[in-house]
Amino acid sequence: MRDRFEKAILQSVNGASVNGARAARLPNTTSFLFEGIESPAALLLLDRHHICCSAGSACRTGSQEASHVLRAMNSSSDGARRSLRFSLGRFNSESQIDRAIEIVPKVVEKLRQLSVPARETAVSTIATAL
């Protein structure tokens, strides 16, 4: 399930990469880095579509500080602020994965469009996006 999700997102979202793709990873968890977005804004829009994910890594859940794990994996200093972590479980269905594959690219594209004209107005505009 995770591998299908990763493959679909990587094929449909330019500038997406999997954090730690070459490392040994849990089979139910994936962490993406999306160029041109900020993860807090993505969390808001994904939540509106009932897609649950987290910003950062599990070791820093609830913290505003970037994870040392993500900082170590990303060559850019702001990579941790552009990362989203998806955890899948035995109760997730293929149709839920299909829905995430449909919605995540739309959310990323919407945030990229908002960030081009004026980054400072993006947060206020998110309330009416999608």
C-alpha atoms as a PDB file:
ATOM      1  CA  MET A   1       0.000   0.000   0.000  1.00  0.00           C
ATOM      2  CA  ARG A   2       2.781   2.442   0.976  1.00  0.00           C
ATOM      3  CA  ASP A   3       4.772   1.661  -2.155  1.00  0.00           C
ATOM      4  CA  ARG A   4       1.752   2.191  -4.419  1.00  0.00           C
ATOM      5  CA  PHE A   5       1.004   5.486  -2.701  1.00  0.00           C
ATOM      6  CA  GLU A   6       4.610   6.678  -3.014  1.00  0.00           C
ATOM      7  CA  LYS A   7       4.861   5.699  -6.669  1.00  0.00           C
ATOM      8  CA  ALA A   8       1.615   7.486  -7.568  1.00  0.00           C
ATOM      9  CA  ILE A   9       2.552  10.694  -5.718  1.00  0.00           C
ATOM     10  CA  LEU A  10       6.048  10.773  -7.199  1.00  0.00           C
ATOM     11  CA  GLN A  11       4.580  10.339 -10.695  1.00  0.00           C
ATOM     12  CA  SER A  12       1.918  12.999 -10.284  1.00  0.00           C
ATOM     13  CA  VAL A  13       3.694  15.727  -8.282  1.00  0.00           C
ATOM     14  CA  ASN A  14       6.744  17.421  -9.751  1.00  0.00           C
ATOM     15  CA  GLY A  15       9.259  18.357  -7.075  1.00  0.00           C
ATOM     16  CA  ALA A  16       8.167  15.582  -4.713  1.00  0.00           C
ATOM     17  CA  SER A  17      10.659  13.204  -3.138  1.00  0.00           C
ATOM     18  CA  VAL A  18      10.561  10.559  -0.429  1.00  0.00           C
ATOM     19  CA  ASN A  19      12.578  11.375   2.673  1.00  0.00           C
ATOM     20  CA  GLY A  20      14.907   8.468   3.408  1.00  0.00           C
ATOM     21  CA  ALA A  21      13.902   6.580   0.254  1.00  0.00           C
ATOM     22  CA  ARG A  22      17.137   4.585   0.209  1.00  0.00           C
ATOM     23  CA  ALA A  23      17.114   3.765   3.920  1.00  0.00           C
ATOM     24  CA  ALA A  24      15.452   0.891   5.710  1.00  0.00           C
ATOM     25  CA  ARG A  25      11.990   2.175   6.578  1.00  0.00           C
ATOM     26  CA  LEU A  26       8.801   1.033   8.234  1.00  0.00           C
ATOM     27  CA  PRO A  27       6.473  -0.566   5.666  1.00  0.00           C
ATOM     28  CA  ASN A  28       3.483   1.539   6.739  1.00  0.00           C
ATOM     29  CA  THR A  29       5.010   5.023   6.846  1.00  0.00           C
ATOM     30  CA  THR A  30       6.158   7.451   4.190  1.00  0.00           C
ATOM     31  CA  SER A  31       7.516  10.959   4.433  1.00  0.00           C
ATOM     32  CA  PHE A  32       7.451  13.231   1.395  1.00  0.00           C
ATOM     33  CA  LEU A  33       9.257  16.472   0.759  1.00  0.00           C
ATOM     34  CA  PHE A  34       7.282  18.795  -1.541  1.00  0.00           C
ATOM     35  CA  GLU A  35       9.156  21.673  -3.164  1.00  0.00           C
ATOM     36  CA  GLY A  36       7.320  24.997  -3.078  1.00  0.00           C
ATOM     37  CA  ILE A  37       4.936  24.398  -0.185  1.00  0.00           C
ATOM     38  CA  GLU A  38       4.919  24.743   3.583  1.00  0.00           C
ATOM     39  CA  SER A  39       3.627  21.728   5.471  1.00  0.00           C
ATOM     40  CA  PRO A  40       1.359  23.605   7.952  1.00  0.00           C
ATOM     41  CA  ALA A  41      -0.685  25.004   5.061  1.00  0.00           C
ATOM     42  CA  ALA A  42      -0.867  21.572   3.418  1.00  0.00           C
ATOM     43  CA  LEU A  43      -2.088  20.046   6.682  1.00  0.00           C
ATOM     44  CA  LEU A  44      -4.997  22.502   6.780  1.00  0.00           C
ATOM     45  CA  LEU A  45      -6.108  21.757   3.243  1.00  0.00           C
ATOM     46  CA  LEU A  46      -5.648  17.996   3.534  1.00  0.00           C
ATOM     47  CA  ASP A  47      -7.661  18.009   6.754  1.00  0.00           C
ATOM     48  CA  ARG A  48     -10.530  19.687   4.907  1.00  0.00           C
ATOM     49  CA  HIS A  49     -10.546  16.635   2.647  1.00  0.00           C
ATOM     50  CA  HIS A  50     -10.365  14.244   5.624  1.00  0.00           C
ATOM     51  CA  ILE A  51      -6.844  13.142   4.755  1.00  0.00           C
ATOM     52  CA  CYS A  52      -4.784  12.725   7.893  1.00  0.00           C
ATOM     53  CA  CYS A  53      -1.046  13.229   7.890  1.00  0.00           C
ATOM     54  CA  SER A  54       1.578  14.979   9.965  1.00  0.00           C
ATOM     55  CA  ALA A  55       4.220  17.595   9.391  1.00  0.00           C
ATOM     56  CA  GLY A  56       7.709  16.524  10.257  1.00  0.00           C
ATOM     57  CA  SER A  57       8.684  13.226  11.820  1.00  0.00           C
ATOM     58  CA  ALA A  58       7.236  11.126  14.610  1.00  0.00           C
ATOM     59  CA  CYS A  59      10.123  11.923  16.938  1.00  0.00           C
ATOM     60  CA  ARG A  60       9.065  15.606  17.025  1.00  0.00           C
ATOM     61  CA  THR A  61       5.279  15.223  17.135  1.00  0.00           C
ATOM     62  CA  GLY A  62       3.734  18.267  18.775  1.00  0.00           C
ATOM     63  CA  SER A  63       6.886  20.353  18.488  1.00  0.00           C
ATOM     64  CA  GLN A  64       7.294  23.479  16.392  1.00  0.00           C
ATOM     65  CA  GLU A  65      10.999  22.768  15.986  1.00  0.00           C
ATOM     66  CA  ALA A  66      12.161  20.873  12.899  1.00  0.00           C
ATOM     67  CA  SER A  67      13.096  17.261  13.479  1.00  0.00           C
ATOM     68  CA  HIS A  68      16.812  16.545  13.670  1.00  0.00           C
ATOM     69  CA  VAL A  69      16.087  13.412  11.630  1.00  0.00           C
ATOM     70  CA  LEU A  70      14.546  15.389   8.755  1.00  0.00           C
ATOM     71  CA  ARG A  71      17.244  18.038   8.952  1.00  0.00           C
ATOM     72  CA  ALA A  72      19.864  15.305   8.602  1.00  0.00           C
ATOM     73  CA  MET A  73      18.099  13.710   5.615  1.00  0.00           C
ATOM     74  CA  ASN A  74      17.495  16.933   3.674  1.00  0.00           C
ATOM     75  CA  SER A  75      20.276  18.885   2.060  1.00  0.00           C
ATOM     76  CA  SER A  76      18.278  22.134   2.202  1.00  0.00           C
ATOM     77  CA  SER A  77      17.754  23.893   5.503  1.00  0.00           C
ATOM     78  CA  ASP A  78      13.996  24.238   5.050  1.00  0.00           C
ATOM     79  CA  GLY A  79      13.279  20.667   3.907  1.00  0.00           C
ATOM     80  CA  ALA A  80      11.727  19.765   7.234  1.00  0.00           C
ATOM     81  CA  ARG A  81       9.176  22.594   6.798  1.00  0.00           C
ATOM     82  CA  ARG A  82       8.134  21.115   3.449  1.00  0.00           C
ATOM     83  CA  SER A  83       7.688  17.523   4.612  1.00  0.00           C
ATOM     84  CA  LEU A  84       4.515  15.533   5.207  1.00  0.00           C
ATOM     85  CA  ARG A  85       4.379  12.126   6.884  1.00  0.00           C
ATOM     86  CA  PHE A  86       1.639   9.637   6.050  1.00  0.00           C
ATOM     87  CA  SER A  87       1.093   6.574   8.228  1.00  0.00           C
ATOM     88  CA  LEU A  88      -0.966   3.720   6.835  1.00  0.00           C
ATOM     89  CA  GLY A  89      -2.463   0.897   8.817  1.00  0.00           C
ATOM     90  CA  ARG A  90      -4.340  -2.332   8.454  1.00  0.00           C
ATOM     91  CA  PHE A  91      -7.630  -0.464   8.631  1.00  0.00           C
ATOM     92  CA  ASN A  92      -6.856   1.768   5.649  1.00  0.00           C
ATOM     93  CA  SER A  93      -8.616   0.736   2.464  1.00  0.00           C
ATOM     94  CA  GLU A  94      -7.447   0.875  -1.129  1.00  0.00           C
ATOM     95  CA  SER A  95     -10.192   3.445  -1.809  1.00  0.00           C
ATOM     96  CA  GLN A  96      -8.743   5.718   0.907  1.00  0.00           C
ATOM     97  CA  ILE A  97      -5.332   5.456  -0.751  1.00  0.00           C
ATOM     98  CA  ASP A  98      -6.937   6.228  -4.126  1.00  0.00           C
ATOM     99  CA  ARG A  99      -8.571   9.321  -2.610  1.00  0.00           C
ATOM    100  CA  ALA A 100      -5.255  10.506  -1.164  1.00  0.00           C
ATOM    101  CA  ILE A 101      -3.592   9.921  -4.551  1.00  0.00           C
ATOM    102  CA  GLU A 102      -6.281  12.140  -6.068  1.00  0.00           C
ATOM    103  CA  ILE A 103      -6.254  14.932  -3.448  1.00  0.00           C
ATOM    104  CA  VAL A 104      -2.588  15.327  -2.426  1.00  0.00           C
ATOM    105  CA  PRO A 105      -1.434  16.527  -5.894  1.00  0.00           C
ATOM    106  CA  LYS A 106      -4.327  19.017  -6.035  1.00  0.00           C
ATOM    107  CA  VAL A 107      -3.437  20.437  -2.619  1.00  0.00           C
ATOM    108  CA  VAL A 108       0.251  20.755  -3.512  1.00  0.00           C
ATOM    109  CA  GLU A 109      -0.588  22.493  -6.781  1.00  0.00           C
ATOM    110  CA  LYS A 110      -3.037  24.870  -5.072  1.00  0.00           C
ATOM    111  CA  LEU A 111      -0.424  25.863  -2.488  1.00  0.00           C
ATOM    112  CA  ARG A 112       2.179  26.408  -5.180  1.00  0.00           C
ATOM    113  CA  GLN A 113      -0.213  28.672  -7.071  1.00  0.00           C
ATOM    114  CA  LEU A 114      -0.894  30.658  -3.920  1.00  0.00           C
ATOM    115  CA  SER A 115       2.782  31.069  -3.128  1.00  0.00           C
ATOM    116  CA  VAL A 116       3.741  32.519  -6.504  1.00  0.00           C
ATOM    117  CA  PRO A 117       1.928  35.892  -6.382  1.00  0.00           C
ATOM    118  CA  ALA A 118       2.470  36.717  -2.717  1.00  0.00           C
ATOM    119  CA  ARG A 119       3.669  34.311  -0.036  1.00  0.00           C
ATOM    120  CA  GLU A 120       2.507  36.559   2.785  1.00  0.00           C
ATOM    121  CA  THR A 121      -1.140  36.441   1.692  1.00  0.00           C
ATOM    122  CA  ALA A 122      -1.218  32.665   1.235  1.00  0.00           C
ATOM    123  CA  VAL A 123      -2.176  31.910   4.838  1.00  0.00           C
ATOM    124  CA  SER A 124      -5.191  34.198   4.742  1.00  0.00           C
ATOM    125  CA  THR A 125      -6.217  32.783   1.372  1.00  0.00           C
ATOM    126  CA  ILE A 126      -6.012  29.173   2.528  1.00  0.00           C
ATOM    127  CA  ALA A 127      -9.271  29.564   4.419  1.00  0.00           C
ATOM    128  CA  THR A 128     -11.108  29.888   1.093  1.00  0.00           C
ATOM    129  CA  ALA A 129      -8.947  27.526  -0.986  1.00  0.00           C
ATOM    130  CA  LEU A 130     -10.351  24.323  -2.381  1.00  0.00           C
END
